[in-house]
Every structure is written in C-alpha cells, then in structure tokens.
C-alpha cells in the first residue's frame, strides 16, 4: 500500500509541541469564553466567580505571609 505524500509523519520535539499548544489555547481562550458566556451564562458566571474567589484567597494568604515575614 502506497502512502500519500501529505501523510508523512513529522517529528516535532515535545517541548516545542507543548509550547505551540499553549499558544494556541491562549489565542482561542477569549473566543471560547465568549461562546460559553453566550451559551451557558449562569454556569459561566458562577465559574468566573469561583475562580475570582480562589485567586483572591491565594493573594490574601500571600499578603498575610508577607506581612508575617516582615
């Protein structure tokens, strides 16, 4: 069986592949967020509030740790 010329395997270093995947994900994130907000507004807003709360908790604990170290 003959392989197609466009079906050749390419070897890409794993680190480069992962870097490209992260860049692609970051580029698509705003579009995905808009889609989720349009299709599932309640769930999306709840998730955003939870993320914000978690981030706020981490930042507050870091600030407290910094104050205790000083």
Protein backbone atom coordinates (compact mmCIF):
# COMPACT_ATOMS: atom_id res chain seq x y z
CA UNK A 1 0.00 0.00 0.00
CA UNK A 2 1.39 3.37 -1.03
CA UNK A 3 1.22 6.29 1.42
CA UNK A 4 0.08 9.71 0.35
CA UNK A 5 2.76 12.37 0.13
CA UNK A 6 0.89 14.62 2.59
CA UNK A 7 0.54 11.85 5.15
CA UNK A 8 4.19 11.77 6.16
CA UNK A 9 4.96 11.69 9.85
CA UNK A 10 6.77 14.68 11.21
CA UNK A 11 8.92 14.61 14.26
CA UNK A 12 8.50 17.67 16.43
CA UNK A 13 10.24 17.98 19.78
CA UNK A 14 7.76 17.53 22.63
CA UNK A 15 8.70 20.85 24.26
CA UNK A 16 8.06 22.73 21.00
CA UNK A 17 4.75 20.91 20.51
CA UNK A 18 3.62 21.77 24.05
CA UNK A 19 4.65 25.40 23.61
CA UNK A 20 2.61 25.67 20.40
CA UNK A 21 -0.40 24.01 22.05
CA UNK A 22 -0.25 26.51 24.94
CA UNK A 23 -0.02 29.44 22.50
CA UNK A 24 -2.98 28.11 20.55
CA UNK A 25 -5.01 27.64 23.73
CA UNK A 26 -4.20 31.18 24.86
CA UNK A 27 -5.20 32.57 21.46
CA UNK A 28 -8.52 30.70 21.49
CA UNK A 29 -9.39 31.43 25.12
CA UNK A 30 -11.26 34.73 24.52
CA UNK A 31 -13.35 33.17 21.76
CA UNK A 32 -14.19 30.14 23.91
CA UNK A 33 -15.09 32.38 26.85
CA UNK A 34 -17.45 34.42 24.69
CA UNK A 35 -19.04 31.22 23.38
CA UNK A 36 -19.54 29.83 26.89
CA UNK A 37 -20.94 33.13 28.15
CA UNK A 38 -23.43 33.22 25.28
CA UNK A 39 -24.48 29.55 25.51
CA UNK A 40 -24.26 28.93 29.28
CA UNK A 41 -24.41 32.32 31.02
CA UNK A 42 -25.28 31.17 34.54
CA UNK A 43 -22.73 28.37 34.68
CA UNK A 44 -20.02 30.56 33.14
CA UNK A 45 -20.58 33.42 35.57
CA UNK A 46 -20.60 31.01 38.52
CA UNK A 47 -17.28 29.55 37.33
CA UNK A 48 -15.80 33.05 36.96
CA UNK A 49 -16.91 33.99 40.47
CA UNK A 50 -15.38 30.78 41.86
CA UNK A 51 -12.10 31.45 40.02
CA UNK A 52 -12.03 35.02 41.30
CA UNK A 53 -12.72 33.87 44.87
CA UNK A 54 -9.94 31.27 44.72
CA UNK A 55 -7.49 33.81 43.32
CA UNK A 56 -8.46 36.33 45.98
CA UNK A 57 -7.91 33.72 48.70
CA UNK A 58 -4.44 32.90 47.35
CA UNK A 59 -3.49 36.56 47.10
CA UNK A 60 -4.74 37.29 50.62
CA UNK A 61 -2.77 34.35 52.04
CA UNK A 62 0.37 35.53 50.23
CA UNK A 63 -0.11 39.06 51.57
CA UNK A 64 -0.58 37.69 55.09
CA UNK A 65 2.54 35.54 54.75
CA UNK A 66 4.49 38.56 53.51
CA UNK A 67 3.32 40.64 56.49
CA UNK A 68 4.29 37.89 58.94
CA UNK A 69 7.75 37.56 57.35
CA UNK A 70 8.42 41.31 57.62
